[in-house]
Structure formats: structure tokens, C-alpha cells
Amino acid sequence: MTFDPQLRALYDQRAAQGVVPLYEMTLAEARAADLAAVQAAAGTPEPVREVFDEVIPGPAGTLPVRVYRPEADHGPLPVLVYFFGGGWTLGSIETSDAICRSLANAAGCLTVAVGYRLAPENKFPAAVEDCFAGLRWTAEHAARLGGDASRIAVGGDSAGGNLAAAMTLMARDAGGPALLAQLLVYPNTDYFADTPSRRENTDALLFNDKSVQWYWDNYLTSPEEGGNPLVSPLRASCHAGLPRALVITAEYDPLRDEGEQYAQRLRDSGVPVESTRYPGVAHGFFAMSGALDAGGRALDQAAAYLRAAFAGDSTAA
């Protein structure tokens, strides 16, 4: 493998430290280790004009949301609803804090991070239902928050990208909220994926094939649920009418091929798509801009894409 030099340094450090895979830890240990690793690699979070938390009604209790207002606030602002990663098992709105701050500022948008119930305590469809409740709440309260309900995008990384893709299917089929764009960063798109990238990425020092299966096993009650398009968006019967998409993948990621397959499926269905594979890096790099220059470049690409889409630029995929 030809790693990005910065990733090679991190990889060698992990090897020297004898880092244990998250799937070999207890759930509590994995959640704490994941958050610590994300925060360490994200660097110093950017200041924004305002950050505030709210608690909103969810389908099975209340849900946390965090709202980020960018430094350059010329409202009403376009809105990005963001879903954190962590295999539906790990993570919280703290996990995506640095990403949301960076995208809010660089894309010039109000960014709303939605918390959702985690597996295995709350299996599918809990996360999907919570995220859709958060999306609908954002659209309904956009004006109060200083946002423009006619310019809403969804985004997320890893399992968050899976949930963002599911939101576009749900919103289309429910007749709203209307969505302008989707940002899918190395998303899970197919429970049944049997791809070269899934088979080849087995290194225990990186997110690997066992990581993917561990998360799926936590999330689903049975393998049969894997055929549900809200679990596996690639398996939806129709992708027409979905919002334009930016799909970002990583070379050394078991999810690489299914993410790129999803981009092609959208493209074949008439959806404008921009798809970029970042060479030399692994799953998780998007959240590592404090340690990997490639993460910063991907954030810049995502922000530029969103800014163009919010402005109605037809060249933005």
C-alpha cells in the first residue's frame, strides 16, 4: 500500500502503540476511544459566530441538536443538516463538531447536527427515524434559526453518509422536506456488498472489513433487514428525483467501492453527481484535518460544492 506520508506516520505510531481495534473493546471503551481519536485528529475547532444546543421531540423521546452559525452571517442562510459517523454504534454530536464548524464557515451555511439513538441498544430503524425527525424539525424551524427552508442540504460521513442518503429517499417519497444537495463521505450503501475494497482492506490498524461487519451486526436485528433501501440505499428500486450529490471516498477503505457504486447509480438515474476518490488515505480521513492535509482538502471541496449548490450554480454537479 502506498500511504499518504502523513497517514504513514500515524499508522506507524498506532503500530508502535499497539492500538487495539474498536471492535475488540467493550462498547463503553470503544465509544470513549472513538471520540478521543476523532477530537485529537480534528485539530483545534474553528470559531464560529454562534453555537447553541436544543432538545427537540423525537419518535421515542427527545433528541439533541446543535446549531452552528457561520462567522459571515448574511441571513437567511442556506442550511446543512449533518449526521455524524460511528457505525450507528459510536459517536454523538460532539463527534462531528469540528466538521460542522468548518463547513458552516467555509460553505456560509447554518449547520445543524442531529443526534440520534445508537445501536445496539436501539437498532434499525431508530437512527433513521430520529434523523428524519431532525431533518423535518430543521425545515419547520429554519426561519426561527436564521435559515432558508428552500435551501437545505443533508450530509454525513460513514454511517452518517448512509443516513444522509436514506434521508433523501425518505424526503422524496414523503413529499418533503425539499432537499437541494447531498454530501456523502465514504458512505455505507449496501449491507450485502461483496466488493474488492471490502475484501482487500483487512488491516487491523485501520478501519477494515471486520469493522464494517461489527457495525452492521450492532445496527441490524437480522440480515434480512439489509435489503431495506433505508439500510442499503444502493438497493432502492428507484434513485430518480434525488438531490445532486458529492460523493467522497478513500483509497484504503472497505467502503470505497460501494460508495462509488452509489455515485454511479445516482448518475445513471439522472442525478447530477461529483465523485472524488482521495488517494493514499483511509476511512476516517475527512474528520482528520488536524493531522492529514487530505482531510482539509476534502473539507474544502465539500464546502465549495455546497456553496455552489446553495447559490444555484448548475455546474455544481
Protein backbone atom coordinates (compact mmCIF):
# COMPACT_ATOMS: atom_id res chain seq x y z
CA MET A 1 0.00 0.00 0.00
CA THR A 2 1.22 3.45 -0.91
CA PHE A 3 0.07 5.55 2.02
CA ASP A 4 -0.03 9.31 2.09
CA PRO A 5 3.13 10.23 4.08
CA GLN A 6 1.07 11.77 6.88
CA LEU A 7 -1.10 8.68 7.12
CA ARG A 8 2.05 6.52 7.15
CA ALA A 9 3.32 8.44 10.18
CA LEU A 10 0.02 7.94 12.00
CA TYR A 11 -0.08 4.28 11.02
CA ASP A 12 3.44 3.67 12.33
CA GLN A 13 2.53 5.44 15.55
CA ARG A 14 -0.52 3.24 16.02
CA ALA A 15 1.59 0.15 15.35
CA ALA A 16 4.19 1.22 17.93
CA GLN A 17 1.47 1.87 20.50
CA GLY A 18 -0.23 -1.46 19.87
CA VAL A 19 -3.60 0.17 19.30
CA VAL A 20 -6.49 -2.26 19.78
CA PRO A 21 -9.31 -2.27 17.19
CA LEU A 22 -12.54 -0.74 18.43
CA TYR A 23 -14.42 -3.97 17.76
CA GLU A 24 -12.23 -5.73 20.34
CA MET A 25 -13.16 -3.25 23.09
CA THR A 26 -16.23 -3.07 25.26
CA LEU A 27 -18.90 -0.75 23.94
CA ALA A 28 -18.10 1.91 26.55
CA GLU A 29 -14.38 1.69 25.79
CA ALA A 30 -14.98 1.90 22.05
CA ARG A 31 -17.20 4.95 22.37
CA ALA A 32 -14.68 6.78 24.54
CA ALA A 33 -11.72 5.80 22.36
CA ASP A 34 -13.50 6.80 19.16
CA LEU A 35 -14.39 10.27 20.43
CA ALA A 36 -10.88 10.83 21.80
CA ALA A 37 -9.30 9.79 18.49
CA VAL A 38 -11.63 11.98 16.44
CA GLN A 39 -11.03 15.03 18.61
CA ALA A 40 -7.26 14.52 18.60
CA ALA A 41 -7.07 14.25 14.81
CA ALA A 42 -9.51 17.08 14.09
CA GLY A 43 -7.18 19.79 15.37
CA THR A 44 -8.36 22.97 17.03
CA PRO A 45 -12.06 23.52 16.22
CA GLU A 46 -12.76 26.70 14.26
CA PRO A 47 -14.57 29.53 15.99
CA VAL A 48 -17.98 30.33 14.53
CA ARG A 49 -20.31 33.23 15.20
CA GLU A 50 -22.63 31.20 17.40
CA VAL A 51 -23.20 27.63 18.59
CA PHE A 52 -26.21 26.56 20.59
CA ASP A 53 -27.86 23.30 21.57
CA GLU A 54 -31.55 22.48 21.56
CA VAL A 55 -33.60 19.46 22.52
CA ILE A 56 -36.30 18.50 20.06
CA PRO A 57 -39.14 15.96 20.00
CA GLY A 58 -38.19 12.59 18.56
CA PRO A 59 -40.18 9.46 17.77
CA ALA A 60 -39.18 7.82 21.07
CA GLY A 61 -38.31 10.74 23.35
CA THR A 62 -36.20 13.83 22.89
CA LEU A 63 -33.20 14.30 20.61
CA PRO A 64 -30.23 16.68 20.85
CA VAL A 65 -29.38 19.04 18.03
CA ARG A 66 -26.54 21.54 17.76
CA VAL A 67 -26.80 24.61 15.56
CA TYR A 68 -23.76 26.40 14.10
CA ARG A 69 -24.00 29.90 12.71
CA PRO A 70 -21.04 30.89 10.49
CA GLU A 71 -18.73 33.83 11.06
CA ALA A 72 -20.05 35.54 7.92
CA ASP A 73 -23.74 35.65 8.77
CA HIS A 74 -25.79 37.23 5.99
CA GLY A 75 -29.12 35.55 6.60
CA PRO A 76 -31.38 33.95 5.88
CA LEU A 77 -28.72 31.30 5.44
CA PRO A 78 -28.78 28.06 3.48
CA VAL A 79 -28.88 25.04 5.77
CA LEU A 80 -26.82 21.86 6.04
CA VAL A 81 -28.26 19.09 8.20
CA TYR A 82 -25.33 16.89 9.22
CA PHE A 83 -25.28 13.35 10.61
CA PHE A 84 -22.22 12.09 12.48
CA GLY A 85 -20.45 8.81 11.75
CA GLY A 86 -19.59 5.93 14.02
CA GLY A 87 -21.25 2.87 12.53
CA TRP A 88 -24.62 3.72 14.13
CA THR A 89 -22.89 2.46 17.30
CA LEU A 90 -20.40 5.15 18.30
CA GLY A 91 -20.47 8.91 18.17
CA SER A 92 -22.59 11.88 19.13
CA ILE A 93 -22.96 15.49 18.03
CA GLU A 94 -19.56 16.03 19.66
CA THR A 95 -18.02 13.67 17.08
CA SER A 96 -18.87 15.96 14.16
CA ASP A 97 -18.26 19.25 15.97
CA ALA A 98 -15.05 20.22 14.12
CA ILE A 99 -16.51 19.19 10.74
CA CYS A 100 -19.68 21.19 11.31
CA ARG A 101 -17.74 24.29 12.34
CA SER A 102 -15.53 24.11 9.26
CA LEU A 103 -18.40 23.53 6.85
CA ALA A 104 -20.54 26.26 8.40
CA ASN A 105 -17.81 28.84 7.89
CA ALA A 106 -16.48 27.69 4.54
CA ALA A 107 -19.86 26.99 2.93
CA GLY A 108 -21.51 30.02 4.54
CA CYS A 109 -24.39 27.98 5.85
CA LEU A 110 -26.31 27.34 9.01
CA THR A 111 -25.30 23.82 10.04
CA VAL A 112 -27.49 21.62 12.20
CA ALA A 113 -26.01 18.45 13.71
CA VAL A 114 -28.69 15.94 14.65
CA GLY A 115 -28.22 13.44 17.46
CA TYR A 116 -29.80 10.02 17.08
CA ARG A 117 -30.19 6.85 19.12
CA LEU A 118 -27.29 4.42 18.90
CA ALA A 119 -27.13 0.68 18.34
CA PRO A 120 -27.04 -1.97 19.65
CA GLU A 121 -29.32 -0.53 22.33
CA ASN A 122 -31.51 0.95 19.58
CA LYS A 123 -31.39 -0.98 16.34
CA PHE A 124 -32.68 -0.06 12.88
CA PRO A 125 -34.88 1.85 12.19
CA ALA A 126 -34.27 4.00 15.29
CA ALA A 127 -31.43 6.07 13.79
CA VAL A 128 -33.29 6.60 10.51
CA GLU A 129 -36.47 7.70 12.28
CA ASP A 130 -34.55 10.08 14.56
CA CYS A 131 -32.62 11.63 11.69
CA PHE A 132 -35.78 12.23 9.69
CA ALA A 133 -37.38 13.84 12.74
CA GLY A 134 -34.33 16.10 12.99
CA LEU A 135 -34.49 16.97 9.30
CA ARG A 136 -38.19 17.82 9.45
CA TRP A 137 -37.69 19.87 12.62
CA THR A 138 -34.92 21.83 10.93
CA ALA A 139 -37.08 22.58 7.91
CA GLU A 140 -40.01 23.64 10.10
CA HIS A 141 -37.86 25.86 12.32
CA ALA A 142 -35.46 27.16 9.69
CA ALA A 143 -36.78 30.71 9.76
CA ARG A 144 -36.51 30.96 13.54
CA LEU A 145 -32.96 29.63 13.37
CA GLY A 146 -32.00 32.17 10.71
CA GLY A 147 -32.08 29.65 7.87
CA ASP A 148 -33.73 29.40 4.48
CA ALA A 149 -36.02 26.35 4.27
CA SER A 150 -35.87 26.46 0.48
CA ARG A 151 -32.12 25.75 0.53
CA ILE A 152 -31.49 22.64 2.64
CA ALA A 153 -28.81 20.02 2.05
CA VAL A 154 -28.01 16.87 4.00
CA GLY A 155 -24.62 15.38 4.67
CA GLY A 156 -22.70 12.91 6.76
CA ASP A 157 -19.63 10.72 6.95
CA SER A 158 -19.55 6.92 7.09
CA ALA A 159 -22.76 5.78 8.83
CA GLY A 160 -23.74 9.45 8.74
CA GLY A 161 -23.40 9.32 4.96
CA ASN A 162 -25.62 6.26 4.96
CA LEU A 163 -28.20 8.13 7.00
CA ALA A 164 -27.96 11.21 4.76
CA ALA A 165 -28.61 9.03 1.70
CA ALA A 166 -31.57 7.44 3.49
CA MET A 167 -32.92 10.93 4.25
CA THR A 168 -33.00 11.80 0.57
CA LEU A 169 -35.05 8.69 -0.18
CA MET A 170 -37.43 9.37 2.71
CA ALA A 171 -37.86 13.04 1.87
CA ARG A 172 -38.50 12.30 -1.80
CA ASP A 173 -41.07 9.63 -1.03
CA ALA A 174 -42.75 11.67 1.71
CA GLY A 175 -43.02 14.77 -0.47
CA GLY A 176 -40.55 16.77 1.61
CA PRO A 177 -38.66 18.43 3.07
CA ALA A 178 -37.27 19.54 -0.28
CA LEU A 179 -33.53 18.94 -0.47
CA LEU A 180 -31.07 20.79 -2.67
CA ALA A 181 -27.99 18.57 -2.34
CA GLN A 182 -26.41 15.66 -0.51
CA LEU A 183 -22.85 15.31 0.77
CA LEU A 184 -21.93 11.64 1.19
CA VAL A 185 -18.49 10.98 2.65
CA TYR A 186 -17.40 7.32 2.37
CA PRO A 187 -20.97 6.15 3.00
CA ASN A 188 -22.17 2.62 3.70
CA THR A 189 -24.58 1.93 0.85
CA ASP A 190 -25.04 -1.86 0.72
CA TYR A 191 -25.21 -4.36 3.57
CA PHE A 192 -24.56 -7.19 1.10
CA ALA A 193 -21.53 -5.54 -0.53
CA ASP A 194 -19.01 -8.08 -1.79
CA THR A 195 -16.50 -5.77 -3.41
CA PRO A 196 -12.74 -5.75 -3.94
CA SER A 197 -12.34 -2.91 -1.45
CA ARG A 198 -14.35 -4.78 1.16
CA ARG A 199 -12.25 -7.93 0.69
CA GLU A 200 -8.86 -6.24 0.42
CA ASN A 201 -8.93 -3.85 3.40
CA THR A 202 -8.24 -6.18 6.29
CA ASP A 203 -5.52 -4.33 8.22
CA ALA A 204 -6.40 -4.30 11.93
CA LEU A 205 -4.66 -0.93 12.40
CA LEU A 206 -7.17 0.70 10.07
CA PHE A 207 -10.95 0.65 9.65
CA ASN A 208 -11.32 -2.73 7.97
CA ASP A 209 -13.71 -5.44 6.84
CA LYS A 210 -14.25 -6.66 10.41
CA SER A 211 -15.07 -3.10 11.50
CA VAL A 212 -17.78 -2.90 8.85
CA GLN A 213 -19.36 -6.19 9.88
CA TRP A 214 -19.20 -5.33 13.59
CA TYR A 215 -21.16 -2.15 12.96
CA TRP A 216 -23.71 -3.87 10.75
CA ASP A 217 -24.20 -6.58 13.38
CA ASN A 218 -24.83 -3.94 16.02
CA TYR A 219 -27.25 -2.00 13.82
CA LEU A 220 -29.47 -4.71 12.36
CA THR A 221 -31.71 -7.22 14.06
CA SER A 222 -31.41 -9.66 11.17
CA PRO A 223 -29.54 -9.88 7.85
CA GLU A 224 -32.88 -9.67 6.02
CA GLU A 225 -33.10 -6.01 7.02
CA GLY A 226 -30.07 -5.40 4.83
CA GLY A 227 -32.33 -5.39 1.80
CA ASN A 228 -34.28 -2.39 3.04
CA PRO A 229 -33.28 0.67 0.97
CA LEU A 230 -33.12 2.76 4.15
CA VAL A 231 -30.39 0.36 5.29
CA SER A 232 -28.82 -0.17 1.86
CA PRO A 233 -29.58 2.88 -0.32
CA LEU A 234 -27.86 1.19 -3.27
CA ARG A 235 -30.74 -1.33 -3.26
CA ALA A 236 -33.51 1.24 -3.64
CA SER A 237 -35.71 0.43 -6.62
CA CYS A 238 -35.52 3.99 -7.92
CA HIS A 239 -32.96 6.76 -7.45
CA ALA A 240 -34.53 9.26 -9.82
CA GLY A 241 -35.52 12.59 -8.38
CA LEU A 242 -32.91 12.62 -5.63
CA PRO A 243 -30.86 15.77 -4.99
CA ARG A 244 -27.49 16.38 -6.62
CA ALA A 245 -24.64 14.67 -4.83
CA LEU A 246 -20.98 14.92 -3.91
CA VAL A 247 -19.57 11.51 -3.01
CA ILE A 248 -16.13 11.37 -1.40
CA THR A 249 -14.27 8.09 -0.99
CA ALA A 250 -10.84 6.99 0.27
CA GLU A 251 -8.43 4.63 -1.48
CA TYR A 252 -7.82 2.38 1.52
CA ASP A 253 -11.36 1.97 2.75
CA PRO A 254 -13.52 -1.17 2.68
CA LEU A 255 -16.48 1.10 1.85
CA ARG A 256 -14.76 2.67 -1.18
CA ASP A 257 -16.36 0.59 -3.91
CA GLU A 258 -19.93 0.69 -2.62
CA GLY A 259 -19.67 4.46 -2.25
CA GLU A 260 -18.51 4.76 -5.84
CA GLN A 261 -21.18 2.31 -6.98
CA TYR A 262 -23.77 4.52 -5.36
CA ALA A 263 -22.40 7.58 -7.14
CA GLN A 264 -22.70 5.73 -10.44
CA ARG A 265 -26.22 4.51 -9.62
CA LEU A 266 -27.29 8.09 -8.96
CA ARG A 267 -25.62 9.24 -12.16
CA ASP A 268 -27.33 6.50 -14.16
CA SER A 269 -30.66 7.67 -12.68
CA GLY A 270 -30.19 11.21 -13.95
CA VAL A 271 -28.93 12.72 -10.70
CA PRO A 272 -26.02 15.17 -11.14
CA VAL A 273 -23.05 13.67 -9.28
CA GLU A 274 -19.50 14.67 -8.48
CA SER A 275 -17.38 11.80 -7.14
CA THR A 276 -13.82 12.01 -5.84
CA ARG A 277 -11.54 9.26 -4.56
CA TYR A 278 -8.74 10.58 -2.34
CA PRO A 279 -5.56 8.56 -2.91
CA GLY A 280 -3.31 7.25 -0.19
CA VAL A 281 -5.73 7.74 2.69
CA ALA A 282 -8.05 5.56 4.72
CA HIS A 283 -11.57 5.67 6.09
CA GLY A 284 -11.98 8.48 8.60
CA PHE A 285 -9.63 10.95 6.91
CA PHE A 286 -12.40 13.55 6.42
CA ALA A 287 -12.52 14.04 10.20
CA MET A 288 -8.73 14.27 10.50
CA SER A 289 -7.94 17.67 9.02
CA GLY A 290 -5.72 18.48 12.00
CA ALA A 291 -3.47 15.55 11.14
CA LEU A 292 -3.95 14.95 7.41
CA ASP A 293 -3.78 17.65 4.75
CA ALA A 294 -6.03 15.44 2.61
CA GLY A 295 -8.75 15.85 5.23
CA GLY A 296 -8.51 19.61 4.91
CA ARG A 297 -8.66 19.40 1.12
CA ALA A 298 -11.76 17.21 1.30
CA LEU A 299 -13.44 19.65 3.68
CA ASP A 300 -12.59 22.48 1.28
CA GLN A 301 -14.05 20.52 -1.63
CA ALA A 302 -17.22 19.74 0.31
CA ALA A 303 -17.66 23.38 1.33
CA ALA A 304 -17.09 24.67 -2.21
CA TYR A 305 -19.58 22.15 -3.55
CA LEU A 306 -22.21 23.14 -1.01
CA ARG A 307 -21.64 26.84 -1.57
CA ALA A 308 -22.13 26.41 -5.31
CA ALA A 309 -25.21 24.24 -4.85
CA PHE A 310 -26.77 26.72 -2.41
CA ALA A 311 -26.10 29.51 -4.92
CA GLY A 312 -27.93 27.59 -7.61
CA ASP A 313 -24.79 27.00 -9.69
CA SER A 314 -25.83 24.42 -12.27
CA THR A 315 -22.20 23.41 -12.77
CA ALA A 316 -22.08 22.07 -9.19
CA ALA A 317 -22.78 18.54 -10.35
